[in-house]
Amino acid sequence: MLVTTTNNIEGKRITKYLGLVSGEAILGANIFKDFFAGIRDIVGGRSNAYEKELRLAKEIAVQEMIDQAESLGGNAVIAVDLDYETLGQGGGMLMVTASGTAIVLED
């Protein structure tokens, strides 16, 4: 499935707009504990373990959005937006959301 942040796809005609689709993934507080406990993983101010978890959360959110678009009969998602938010007191959890518009592109 084609997924893009743009509002149209060059050379293709949108034949149907199916509506908003989204996916969410929430990382529990344990990732933050692991992050601070695993300071030794930090290289140059970055934590490889933490970044890996964030990428995984993004992949889950995007895949949920794609699954929702497919269930509506779509073959592409346009105008995709990714958001990252902290939840809970002290930012104990991180939520990644992916949203976009499911469409049908001409064959």
PDB file of N, CA and C in Angstrom:
ATOM      1  N   MET A   1       0.849  -1.184   0.000  1.00  0.00           N
ATOM      2  CA  MET A   1       0.000   0.000   0.000  1.00  0.00           C
ATOM      3  C   MET A   1       0.883   1.232   0.000  1.00  0.00           C
ATOM      4  N   LEU A   2       0.510   2.185  -0.834  1.00  0.00           N
ATOM      5  CA  LEU A   2       1.240   3.448  -0.904  1.00  0.00           C
ATOM      6  C   LEU A   2       0.799   4.337   0.258  1.00  0.00           C
ATOM      7  N   VAL A   3       1.777   4.857   1.000  1.00  0.00           N
ATOM      8  CA  VAL A   3       1.516   5.752   2.129  1.00  0.00           C
ATOM      9  C   VAL A   3       2.390   6.976   1.930  1.00  0.00           C
ATOM     10  N   THR A   4       1.771   8.161   1.927  1.00  0.00           N
ATOM     11  CA  THR A   4       2.525   9.388   1.674  1.00  0.00           C
ATOM     12  C   THR A   4       2.009  10.551   2.519  1.00  0.00           C
ATOM     13  N   THR A   5       2.892  11.497   2.757  1.00  0.00           N
ATOM     14  CA  THR A   5       2.501  12.696   3.500  1.00  0.00           C
ATOM     15  C   THR A   5       1.892  13.754   2.587  1.00  0.00           C
ATOM     16  N   THR A   6       1.971  13.554   1.286  1.00  0.00           N
ATOM     17  CA  THR A   6       1.428  14.528   0.340  1.00  0.00           C
ATOM     18  C   THR A   6      -0.082  14.363   0.182  1.00  0.00           C
ATOM     19  N   ASN A   7      -0.732  15.364  -0.400  1.00  0.00           N
ATOM     20  CA  ASN A   7      -2.188  15.334  -0.578  1.00  0.00           C
ATOM     21  C   ASN A   7      -2.627  14.711  -1.891  1.00  0.00           C
ATOM     22  N   ASN A   8      -1.677  14.442  -2.757  1.00  0.00           N
ATOM     23  CA  ASN A   8      -1.994  13.771  -4.015  1.00  0.00           C
ATOM     24  C   ASN A   8      -0.782  12.960  -4.440  1.00  0.00           C
ATOM     25  N   ILE A   9      -0.959  12.159  -5.484  1.00  0.00           N
ATOM     26  CA  ILE A   9       0.115  11.309  -5.961  1.00  0.00           C
ATOM     27  C   ILE A   9       0.306  11.608  -7.440  1.00  0.00           C
ATOM     28  N   GLU A  10       1.465  12.136  -7.768  1.00  0.00           N
ATOM     29  CA  GLU A  10       1.740  12.564  -9.127  1.00  0.00           C
ATOM     30  C   GLU A  10       1.546  11.418 -10.120  1.00  0.00           C
ATOM     31  N   GLY A  11       0.789  11.710 -11.171  1.00  0.00           N
ATOM     32  CA  GLY A  11       0.560  10.722 -12.219  1.00  0.00           C
ATOM     33  C   GLY A  11      -0.569   9.751 -11.936  1.00  0.00           C
ATOM     34  N   LYS A  12      -1.190   9.864 -10.782  1.00  0.00           N
ATOM     35  CA  LYS A  12      -2.313   8.980 -10.419  1.00  0.00           C
ATOM     36  C   LYS A  12      -3.548   9.819 -10.116  1.00  0.00           C
ATOM     37  N   ARG A  13      -4.696   9.266 -10.430  1.00  0.00           N
ATOM     38  CA  ARG A  13      -5.954   9.947 -10.155  1.00  0.00           C
ATOM     39  C   ARG A  13      -6.649   9.274  -8.981  1.00  0.00           C
ATOM     40  N   ILE A  14      -7.090  10.088  -8.033  1.00  0.00           N
ATOM     41  CA  ILE A  14      -7.849   9.578  -6.893  1.00  0.00           C
ATOM     42  C   ILE A  14      -9.292   9.397  -7.345  1.00  0.00           C
ATOM     43  N   THR A  15      -9.801   8.172  -7.228  1.00  0.00           N
ATOM     44  CA  THR A  15     -11.171   7.902  -7.677  1.00  0.00           C
ATOM     45  C   THR A  15     -12.177   7.928  -6.532  1.00  0.00           C
ATOM     46  N   LYS A  16     -11.676   7.768  -5.292  1.00  0.00           N
ATOM     47  CA  LYS A  16     -12.596   7.760  -4.157  1.00  0.00           C
ATOM     48  C   LYS A  16     -11.844   8.103  -2.877  1.00  0.00           C
ATOM     49  N   TYR A  17     -12.461   8.964  -2.067  1.00  0.00           N
ATOM     50  CA  TYR A  17     -11.958   9.270  -0.732  1.00  0.00           C
ATOM     51  C   TYR A  17     -12.768   8.444   0.254  1.00  0.00           C
ATOM     52  N   LEU A  18     -12.086   7.665   1.075  1.00  0.00           N
ATOM     53  CA  LEU A  18     -12.777   6.759   1.996  1.00  0.00           C
ATOM     54  C   LEU A  18     -12.861   7.291   3.420  1.00  0.00           C
ATOM     55  N   GLY A  19     -12.086   8.306   3.732  1.00  0.00           N
ATOM     56  CA  GLY A  19     -12.167   8.910   5.055  1.00  0.00           C
ATOM     57  C   GLY A  19     -10.903   8.763   5.873  1.00  0.00           C
ATOM     58  N   LEU A  20     -10.981   9.312   7.063  1.00  0.00           N
ATOM     59  CA  LEU A  20      -9.858   9.337   7.989  1.00  0.00           C
ATOM     60  C   LEU A  20      -9.564   7.944   8.523  1.00  0.00           C
ATOM     61  N   VAL A  21      -8.283   7.601   8.555  1.00  0.00           N
ATOM     62  CA  VAL A  21      -7.833   6.355   9.174  1.00  0.00           C
ATOM     63  C   VAL A  21      -6.705   6.701  10.134  1.00  0.00           C
ATOM     64  N   SER A  22      -6.556   5.895  11.180  1.00  0.00           N
ATOM     65  CA  SER A  22      -5.506   6.185  12.160  1.00  0.00           C
ATOM     66  C   SER A  22      -5.036   4.909  12.837  1.00  0.00           C
ATOM     67  N   GLY A  23      -3.898   5.023  13.462  1.00  0.00           N
ATOM     68  CA  GLY A  23      -3.340   3.939  14.260  1.00  0.00           C
ATOM     69  C   GLY A  23      -2.606   4.537  15.435  1.00  0.00           C
ATOM     70  N   GLU A  24      -2.562   3.807  16.531  1.00  0.00           N
ATOM     71  CA  GLU A  24      -1.916   4.301  17.744  1.00  0.00           C
ATOM     72  C   GLU A  24      -1.059   3.208  18.353  1.00  0.00           C
ATOM     73  N   ALA A  25       0.010   3.629  19.004  1.00  0.00           N
ATOM     74  CA  ALA A  25       0.851   2.717  19.779  1.00  0.00           C
ATOM     75  C   ALA A  25       1.313   3.472  21.013  1.00  0.00           C
ATOM     76  N   ILE A  26       1.250   2.806  22.164  1.00  0.00           N
ATOM     77  CA  ILE A  26       1.656   3.434  23.418  1.00  0.00           C
ATOM     78  C   ILE A  26       2.778   2.614  24.037  1.00  0.00           C
ATOM     79  N   LEU A  27       3.877   3.301  24.349  1.00  0.00           N
ATOM     80  CA  LEU A  27       4.994   2.670  25.035  1.00  0.00           C
ATOM     81  C   LEU A  27       4.792   2.855  26.529  1.00  0.00           C
ATOM     82  N   GLY A  28       4.909   1.774  27.266  1.00  0.00           N
ATOM     83  CA  GLY A  28       4.716   1.834  28.709  1.00  0.00           C
ATOM     84  C   GLY A  28       5.878   2.485  29.428  1.00  0.00           C
ATOM     85  N   ALA A  29       5.673   2.721  30.706  1.00  0.00           N
ATOM     86  CA  ALA A  29       6.664   3.401  31.529  1.00  0.00           C
ATOM     87  C   ALA A  29       7.974   2.627  31.606  1.00  0.00           C
ATOM     88  N   ASN A  30       7.942   1.327  31.392  1.00  0.00           N
ATOM     89  CA  ASN A  30       9.170   0.546  31.533  1.00  0.00           C
ATOM     90  C   ASN A  30      10.244   0.982  30.545  1.00  0.00           C
ATOM     91  N   ILE A  31       9.854   1.495  29.393  1.00  0.00           N
ATOM     92  CA  ILE A  31      10.866   1.952  28.442  1.00  0.00           C
ATOM     93  C   ILE A  31      11.648   3.121  29.016  1.00  0.00           C
ATOM     94  N   PHE A  32      10.978   3.979  29.776  1.00  0.00           N
ATOM     95  CA  PHE A  32      11.676   5.109  30.374  1.00  0.00           C
ATOM     96  C   PHE A  32      12.604   4.641  31.487  1.00  0.00           C
ATOM     97  N   LYS A  33      12.163   3.664  32.285  1.00  0.00           N
ATOM     98  CA  LYS A  33      13.034   3.103  33.311  1.00  0.00           C
ATOM     99  C   LYS A  33      14.246   2.457  32.659  1.00  0.00           C
ATOM    100  N   ASP A  34      14.012   1.693  31.606  1.00  0.00           N
ATOM    101  CA  ASP A  34      15.107   1.054  30.886  1.00  0.00           C
ATOM    102  C   ASP A  34      16.050   2.091  30.293  1.00  0.00           C
ATOM    103  N   PHE A  35      15.461   3.177  29.818  1.00  0.00           N
ATOM    104  CA  PHE A  35      16.270   4.240  29.222  1.00  0.00           C
ATOM    105  C   PHE A  35      17.239   4.812  30.244  1.00  0.00           C
ATOM    106  N   PHE A  36      16.740   5.153  31.422  1.00  0.00           N
ATOM    107  CA  PHE A  36      17.612   5.744  32.427  1.00  0.00           C
ATOM    108  C   PHE A  36      18.541   4.706  33.048  1.00  0.00           C
ATOM    109  N   ALA A  37      18.082   3.476  33.161  1.00  0.00           N
ATOM    110  CA  ALA A  37      18.930   2.421  33.713  1.00  0.00           C
ATOM    111  C   ALA A  37      20.030   2.038  32.729  1.00  0.00           C
ATOM    112  N   GLY A  38      19.755   2.212  31.445  1.00  0.00           N
ATOM    113  CA  GLY A  38      20.718   1.813  30.426  1.00  0.00           C
ATOM    114  C   GLY A  38      21.507   2.974  29.859  1.00  0.00           C
ATOM    115  N   ILE A  39      21.924   3.871  30.704  1.00  0.00           N
ATOM    116  CA  ILE A  39      22.679   5.044  30.256  1.00  0.00           C
ATOM    117  C   ILE A  39      23.900   4.616  29.450  1.00  0.00           C
ATOM    118  N   ARG A  40      24.434   3.455  29.746  1.00  0.00           N
ATOM    119  CA  ARG A  40      25.626   3.006  29.031  1.00  0.00           C
ATOM    120  C   ARG A  40      25.367   2.855  27.524  1.00  0.00           C
ATOM    121  N   ASP A  41      24.068   2.725  27.122  1.00  0.00           N
ATOM    122  CA  ASP A  41      23.736   2.608  25.706  1.00  0.00           C
ATOM    123  C   ASP A  41      23.814   3.936  24.974  1.00  0.00           C
ATOM    124  N   ILE A  42      23.924   5.013  25.717  1.00  0.00           N
ATOM    125  CA  ILE A  42      23.925   6.330  25.092  1.00  0.00           C
ATOM    126  C   ILE A  42      25.288   6.590  24.470  1.00  0.00           C
ATOM    127  N   VAL A  43      25.261   6.896  23.187  1.00  0.00           N
ATOM    128  CA  VAL A  43      26.486   7.197  22.453  1.00  0.00           C
ATOM    129  C   VAL A  43      26.259   8.539  21.758  1.00  0.00           C
ATOM    130  N   GLY A  44      27.088   9.487  22.074  1.00  0.00           N
ATOM    131  CA  GLY A  44      26.948  10.796  21.442  1.00  0.00           C
ATOM    132  C   GLY A  44      25.635  11.475  21.773  1.00  0.00           C
ATOM    133  N   GLY A  45      25.087  11.225  22.964  1.00  0.00           N
ATOM    134  CA  GLY A  45      23.846  11.853  23.379  1.00  0.00           C
ATOM    135  C   GLY A  45      22.604  11.149  22.869  1.00  0.00           C
ATOM    136  N   ARG A  46      22.751   9.974  22.242  1.00  0.00           N
ATOM    137  CA  ARG A  46      21.602   9.239  21.703  1.00  0.00           C
ATOM    138  C   ARG A  46      21.544   7.854  22.333  1.00  0.00           C
ATOM    139  N   SER A  47      20.334   7.356  22.491  1.00  0.00           N
ATOM    140  CA  SER A  47      20.139   6.010  23.020  1.00  0.00           C
ATOM    141  C   SER A  47      19.605   5.113  21.915  1.00  0.00           C
ATOM    142  N   ASN A  48      20.409   4.161  21.493  1.00  0.00           N
ATOM    143  CA  ASN A  48      19.992   3.237  20.437  1.00  0.00           C
ATOM    144  C   ASN A  48      18.779   2.417  20.858  1.00  0.00           C
ATOM    145  N   ALA A  49      18.733   1.976  22.105  1.00  0.00           N
ATOM    146  CA  ALA A  49      17.608   1.164  22.575  1.00  0.00           C
ATOM    147  C   ALA A  49      16.313   1.965  22.548  1.00  0.00           C
ATOM    148  N   TYR A  50      16.372   3.210  22.983  1.00  0.00           N
ATOM    149  CA  TYR A  50      15.189   4.066  23.013  1.00  0.00           C
ATOM    150  C   TYR A  50      14.711   4.371  21.598  1.00  0.00           C
ATOM    151  N   GLU A  51      15.647   4.685  20.711  1.00  0.00           N
ATOM    152  CA  GLU A  51      15.285   4.973  19.327  1.00  0.00           C
ATOM    153  C   GLU A  51      14.665   3.754  18.653  1.00  0.00           C
ATOM    154  N   LYS A  52      15.169   2.580  18.978  1.00  0.00           N
ATOM    155  CA  LYS A  52      14.610   1.339  18.418  1.00  0.00           C
ATOM    156  C   LYS A  52      13.161   1.164  18.856  1.00  0.00           C
ATOM    157  N   GLU A  53      12.868   1.448  20.108  1.00  0.00           N
ATOM    158  CA  GLU A  53      11.492   1.336  20.611  1.00  0.00           C
ATOM    159  C   GLU A  53      10.580   2.364  19.954  1.00  0.00           C
ATOM    160  N   LEU A  54      11.069   3.570  19.748  1.00  0.00           N
ATOM    161  CA  LEU A  54      10.267   4.595  19.078  1.00  0.00           C
ATOM    162  C   LEU A  54       9.961   4.194  17.635  1.00  0.00           C
ATOM    163  N   ARG A  55      10.951   3.636  16.932  1.00  0.00           N
ATOM    164  CA  ARG A  55      10.716   3.174  15.555  1.00  0.00           C
ATOM    165  C   ARG A  55       9.679   2.062  15.539  1.00  0.00           C
ATOM    166  N   LEU A  56       9.763   1.150  16.506  1.00  0.00           N
ATOM    167  CA  LEU A  56       8.791   0.059  16.593  1.00  0.00           C
ATOM    168  C   LEU A  56       7.386   0.613  16.812  1.00  0.00           C
ATOM    169  N   ALA A  57       7.248   1.570  17.717  1.00  0.00           N
ATOM    170  CA  ALA A  57       5.939   2.178  17.974  1.00  0.00           C
ATOM    171  C   ALA A  57       5.411   2.857  16.719  1.00  0.00           C
ATOM    172  N   LYS A  58       6.273   3.538  15.972  1.00  0.00           N
ATOM    173  CA  LYS A  58       5.850   4.185  14.731  1.00  0.00           C
ATOM    174  C   LYS A  58       5.385   3.147  13.721  1.00  0.00           C
ATOM    175  N   GLU A  59       6.135   2.057  13.589  1.00  0.00           N
ATOM    176  CA  GLU A  59       5.760   0.993  12.654  1.00  0.00           C
ATOM    177  C   GLU A  59       4.406   0.385  13.014  1.00  0.00           C
ATOM    178  N   ILE A  60       4.156   0.192  14.300  1.00  0.00           N
ATOM    179  CA  ILE A  60       2.870  -0.361  14.749  1.00  0.00           C
ATOM    180  C   ILE A  60       1.736   0.596  14.406  1.00  0.00           C
ATOM    181  N   ALA A  61       1.920   1.878  14.705  1.00  0.00           N
ATOM    182  CA  ALA A  61       0.879   2.873  14.438  1.00  0.00           C
ATOM    183  C   ALA A  61       0.593   2.968  12.941  1.00  0.00           C
ATOM    184  N   VAL A  62       1.631   2.986  12.115  1.00  0.00           N
ATOM    185  CA  VAL A  62       1.441   3.073  10.665  1.00  0.00           C
ATOM    186  C   VAL A  62       0.759   1.812  10.141  1.00  0.00           C
ATOM    187  N   GLN A  63       1.160   0.647  10.650  1.00  0.00           N
ATOM    188  CA  GLN A  63       0.535  -0.597  10.184  1.00  0.00           C
ATOM    189  C   GLN A  63      -0.945  -0.656  10.562  1.00  0.00           C
ATOM    190  N   GLU A  64      -1.302  -0.181  11.751  1.00  0.00           N
ATOM    191  CA  GLU A  64      -2.720  -0.125  12.138  1.00  0.00           C
ATOM    192  C   GLU A  64      -3.502   0.793  11.212  1.00  0.00           C
ATOM    193  N   MET A  65      -2.906   1.926  10.830  1.00  0.00           N
ATOM    194  CA  MET A  65      -3.549   2.849   9.907  1.00  0.00           C
ATOM    195  C   MET A  65      -3.748   2.182   8.546  1.00  0.00           C
ATOM    196  N   ILE A  66      -2.736   1.476   8.057  1.00  0.00           N
ATOM    197  CA  ILE A  66      -2.826   0.764   6.783  1.00  0.00           C
ATOM    198  C   ILE A  66      -3.910  -0.305   6.836  1.00  0.00           C
ATOM    199  N   ASP A  67      -3.940  -1.068   7.930  1.00  0.00           N
ATOM    200  CA  ASP A  67      -4.960  -2.116   8.086  1.00  0.00           C
ATOM    201  C   ASP A  67      -6.363  -1.530   8.025  1.00  0.00           C
ATOM    202  N   GLN A  68      -6.545  -0.380   8.661  1.00  0.00           N
ATOM    203  CA  GLN A  68      -7.852   0.281   8.649  1.00  0.00           C
ATOM    204  C   GLN A  68      -8.207   0.741   7.235  1.00  0.00           C
ATOM    205  N   ALA A  69      -7.231   1.276   6.508  1.00  0.00           N
ATOM    206  CA  ALA A  69      -7.471   1.715   5.124  1.00  0.00           C
ATOM    207  C   ALA A  69      -7.840   0.524   4.244  1.00  0.00           C
ATOM    208  N   GLU A  70      -7.146  -0.593   4.414  1.00  0.00           N
ATOM    209  CA  GLU A  70      -7.450  -1.798   3.631  1.00  0.00           C
ATOM    210  C   GLU A  70      -8.854  -2.310   3.933  1.00  0.00           C
ATOM    211  N   SER A  71      -9.251  -2.244   5.194  1.00  0.00           N
ATOM    212  CA  SER A  71     -10.586  -2.731   5.561  1.00  0.00           C
ATOM    213  C   SER A  71     -11.691  -1.870   4.947  1.00  0.00           C
ATOM    214  N   LEU A  72     -11.366  -0.629   4.597  1.00  0.00           N
ATOM    215  CA  LEU A  72     -12.327   0.252   3.932  1.00  0.00           C
ATOM    216  C   LEU A  72     -12.295   0.095   2.412  1.00  0.00           C
ATOM    217  N   GLY A  73     -11.350  -0.699   1.917  1.00  0.00           N
ATOM    218  CA  GLY A  73     -11.215  -0.897   0.476  1.00  0.00           C
ATOM    219  C   GLY A  73     -10.211   0.024  -0.183  1.00  0.00           C
ATOM    220  N   GLY A  74      -9.391   0.691   0.596  1.00  0.00           N
ATOM    221  CA  GLY A  74      -8.410   1.616   0.046  1.00  0.00           C
ATOM    222  C   GLY A  74      -7.158   0.922  -0.451  1.00  0.00           C
ATOM    223  N   ASN A  75      -6.465   1.595  -1.354  1.00  0.00           N
ATOM    224  CA  ASN A  75      -5.184   1.072  -1.816  1.00  0.00           C
ATOM    225  C   ASN A  75      -4.054   2.085  -1.615  1.00  0.00           C
ATOM    226  N   ALA A  76      -4.358   3.184  -0.899  1.00  0.00           N
ATOM    227  CA  ALA A  76      -3.346   4.186  -0.563  1.00  0.00           C
ATOM    228  C   ALA A  76      -3.855   5.038   0.597  1.00  0.00           C
ATOM    229  N   VAL A  77      -2.898   5.675   1.280  1.00  0.00           N
ATOM    230  CA  VAL A  77      -3.230   6.634   2.343  1.00  0.00           C
ATOM    231  C   VAL A  77      -2.421   7.887   2.053  1.00  0.00           C
ATOM    232  N   ILE A  78      -3.120   9.022   1.988  1.00  0.00           N
ATOM    233  CA  ILE A  78      -2.456  10.300   1.722  1.00  0.00           C
ATOM    234  C   ILE A  78      -2.563  11.207   2.950  1.00  0.00           C
ATOM    235  N   ALA A  79      -1.821  12.303   2.902  1.00  0.00           N
ATOM    236  CA  ALA A  79      -1.840  13.328   3.959  1.00  0.00           C
ATOM    237  C   ALA A  79      -1.544  12.729   5.331  1.00  0.00           C
ATOM    238  N   VAL A  80      -0.579  11.824   5.376  1.00  0.00           N
ATOM    239  CA  VAL A  80      -0.235  11.144   6.633  1.00  0.00           C
ATOM    240  C   VAL A  80       0.501  12.100   7.565  1.00  0.00           C
ATOM    241  N   ASP A  81       0.108  12.046   8.834  1.00  0.00           N
ATOM    242  CA  ASP A  81       0.723  12.847   9.879  1.00  0.00           C
ATOM    243  C   ASP A  81       1.093  11.925  11.029  1.00  0.00           C
ATOM    244  N   LEU A  82       2.325  12.037  11.519  1.00  0.00           N
ATOM    245  CA  LEU A  82       2.781  11.277  12.683  1.00  0.00           C
ATOM    246  C   LEU A  82       2.921  12.232  13.851  1.00  0.00           C
ATOM    247  N   ASP A  83       2.394  11.839  15.004  1.00  0.00           N
ATOM    248  CA  ASP A  83       2.496  12.655  16.213  1.00  0.00           C
ATOM    249  C   ASP A  83       3.031  11.809  17.352  1.00  0.00           C
ATOM    250  N   TYR A  84       3.805  12.455  18.209  1.00  0.00           N
ATOM    251  CA  TYR A  84       4.375  11.826  19.397  1.00  0.00           C
ATOM    252  C   TYR A  84       3.932  12.643  20.596  1.00  0.00           C
ATOM    253  N   GLU A  85       3.327  11.992  21.592  1.00  0.00           N
ATOM    254  CA  GLU A  85       2.831  12.688  22.785  1.00  0.00           C
ATOM    255  C   GLU A  85       3.240  11.911  24.031  1.00  0.00           C
ATOM    256  N   THR A  86       3.500  12.643  25.108  1.00  0.00           N
ATOM    257  CA  THR A  86       3.727  11.991  26.393  1.00  0.00           C
ATOM    258  C   THR A  86       2.404  11.946  27.144  1.00  0.00           C
ATOM    259  N   LEU A  87       2.198  10.866  27.859  1.00  0.00           N
ATOM    260  CA  LEU A  87       0.970  10.654  28.621  1.00  0.00           C
ATOM    261  C   LEU A  87       1.312  10.365  30.074  1.00  0.00           C
ATOM    262  N   GLY A  88       0.368  10.635  30.928  1.00  0.00           N
ATOM    263  CA  GLY A  88       0.542  10.318  32.340  1.00  0.00           C
ATOM    264  C   GLY A  88       1.360  11.362  33.070  1.00  0.00           C
ATOM    265  N   GLN A  89       1.303  11.275  34.374  1.00  0.00           N
ATOM    266  CA  GLN A  89       2.021  12.211  35.214  1.00  0.00           C
ATOM    267  C   GLN A  89       3.524  11.990  35.057  1.00  0.00           C
ATOM    268  N   GLY A  90       4.251  13.042  34.780  1.00  0.00           N
ATOM    269  CA  GLY A  90       5.686  12.935  34.594  1.00  0.00           C
ATOM    270  C   GLY A  90       6.077  12.332  33.254  1.00  0.00           C
ATOM    271  N   GLY A  91       5.119  12.223  32.330  1.00  0.00           N
ATOM    272  CA  GLY A  91       5.439  11.692  31.016  1.00  0.00           C
ATOM    273  C   GLY A  91       5.830  10.237  31.037  1.00  0.00           C
ATOM    274  N   GLY A  92       5.157   9.435  31.861  1.00  0.00           N
ATOM    275  CA  GLY A  92       5.498   8.030  32.036  1.00  0.00           C
ATOM    276  C   GLY A  92       5.221   7.142  30.839  1.00  0.00           C
ATOM    277  N   MET A  93       4.474   7.649  29.869  1.00  0.00           N
ATOM    278  CA  MET A  93       4.167   6.855  28.692  1.00  0.00           C
ATOM    279  C   MET A  93       4.298   7.740  27.451  1.00  0.00           C
ATOM    280  N   LEU A  94       4.593   7.111  26.334  1.00  0.00           N
ATOM    281  CA  LEU A  94       4.703   7.828  25.076  1.00  0.00           C
ATOM    282  C   LEU A  94       3.724   7.230  24.087  1.00  0.00           C
ATOM    283  N   MET A  95       2.926   8.078  23.428  1.00  0.00           N
ATOM    284  CA  MET A  95       1.968   7.618  22.428  1.00  0.00           C
ATOM    285  C   MET A  95       2.404   8.117  21.059  1.00  0.00           C
ATOM    286  N   VAL A  96       2.409   7.208  20.104  1.00  0.00           N
ATOM    287  CA  VAL A  96       2.691   7.548  18.718  1.00  0.00           C
ATOM    288  C   VAL A  96       1.405   7.328  17.934  1.00  0.00           C
ATOM    289  N   THR A  97       0.967   8.336  17.191  1.00  0.00           N
ATOM    290  CA  THR A  97      -0.228   8.198  16.366  1.00  0.00           C
ATOM    291  C   THR A  97       0.121   8.487  14.912  1.00  0.00           C
ATOM    292  N   ALA A  98      -0.538   7.752  14.036  1.00  0.00           N
ATOM    293  CA  ALA A  98      -0.422   7.970  12.598  1.00  0.00           C
ATOM    294  C   ALA A  98      -1.836   8.166  12.079  1.00  0.00           C
ATOM    295  N   SER A  99      -2.063   9.220  11.305  1.00  0.00           N
ATOM    296  CA  SER A  99      -3.382   9.445  10.732  1.00  0.00           C
ATOM    297  C   SER A  99      -3.237   9.948   9.309  1.00  0.00           C
ATOM    298  N   GLY A 100      -4.247   9.656   8.502  1.00  0.00           N
ATOM    299  CA  GLY A 100      -4.237  10.071   7.117  1.00  0.00           C
ATOM    300  C   GLY A 100      -5.599   9.840   6.498  1.00  0.00           C
ATOM    301  N   THR A 101      -5.703  10.038   5.187  1.00  0.00           N
ATOM    302  CA  THR A 101      -6.939   9.828   4.461  1.00  0.00           C
ATOM    303  C   THR A 101      -6.799   8.615   3.565  1.00  0.00           C
ATOM    304  N   ALA A 102      -7.665   7.628   3.768  1.00  0.00           N
ATOM    305  CA  ALA A 102      -7.678   6.434   2.922  1.00  0.00           C
ATOM    306  C   ALA A 102      -8.331   6.789   1.597  1.00  0.00           C
ATOM    307  N   ILE A 103      -7.722   6.337   0.517  1.00  0.00           N
ATOM    308  CA  ILE A 103      -8.241   6.628  -0.820  1.00  0.00           C
ATOM    309  C   ILE A 103      -8.159   5.395  -1.707  1.00  0.00           C
ATOM    310  N   VAL A 104      -8.839   5.496  -2.844  1.00  0.00           N
ATOM    311  CA  VAL A 104      -8.696   4.514  -3.905  1.00  0.00           C
ATOM    312  C   VAL A 104      -8.051   5.234  -5.086  1.00  0.00           C
ATOM    313  N   LEU A 105      -6.923   4.702  -5.543  1.00  0.00           N
ATOM    314  CA  LEU A 105      -6.240   5.231  -6.708  1.00  0.00           C
ATOM    315  C   LEU A 105      -6.658   4.444  -7.936  1.00  0.00           C
ATOM    316  N   GLU A 106      -6.679   5.109  -9.091  1.00  0.00           N
ATOM    317  CA  GLU A 106      -6.964   4.401 -10.338  1.00  0.00           C
ATOM    318  C   GLU A 106      -5.883   3.346 -10.564  1.00  0.00           C
ATOM    319  N   ASP A 107      -6.250   2.284 -11.240  1.00  0.00           N
ATOM    320  CA  ASP A 107      -5.274   1.219 -11.544  1.00  0.00           C
ATOM    321  C   ASP A 107      -4.398   1.597 -12.711  1.00  0.00           C
TER     322      ASP A 107
END
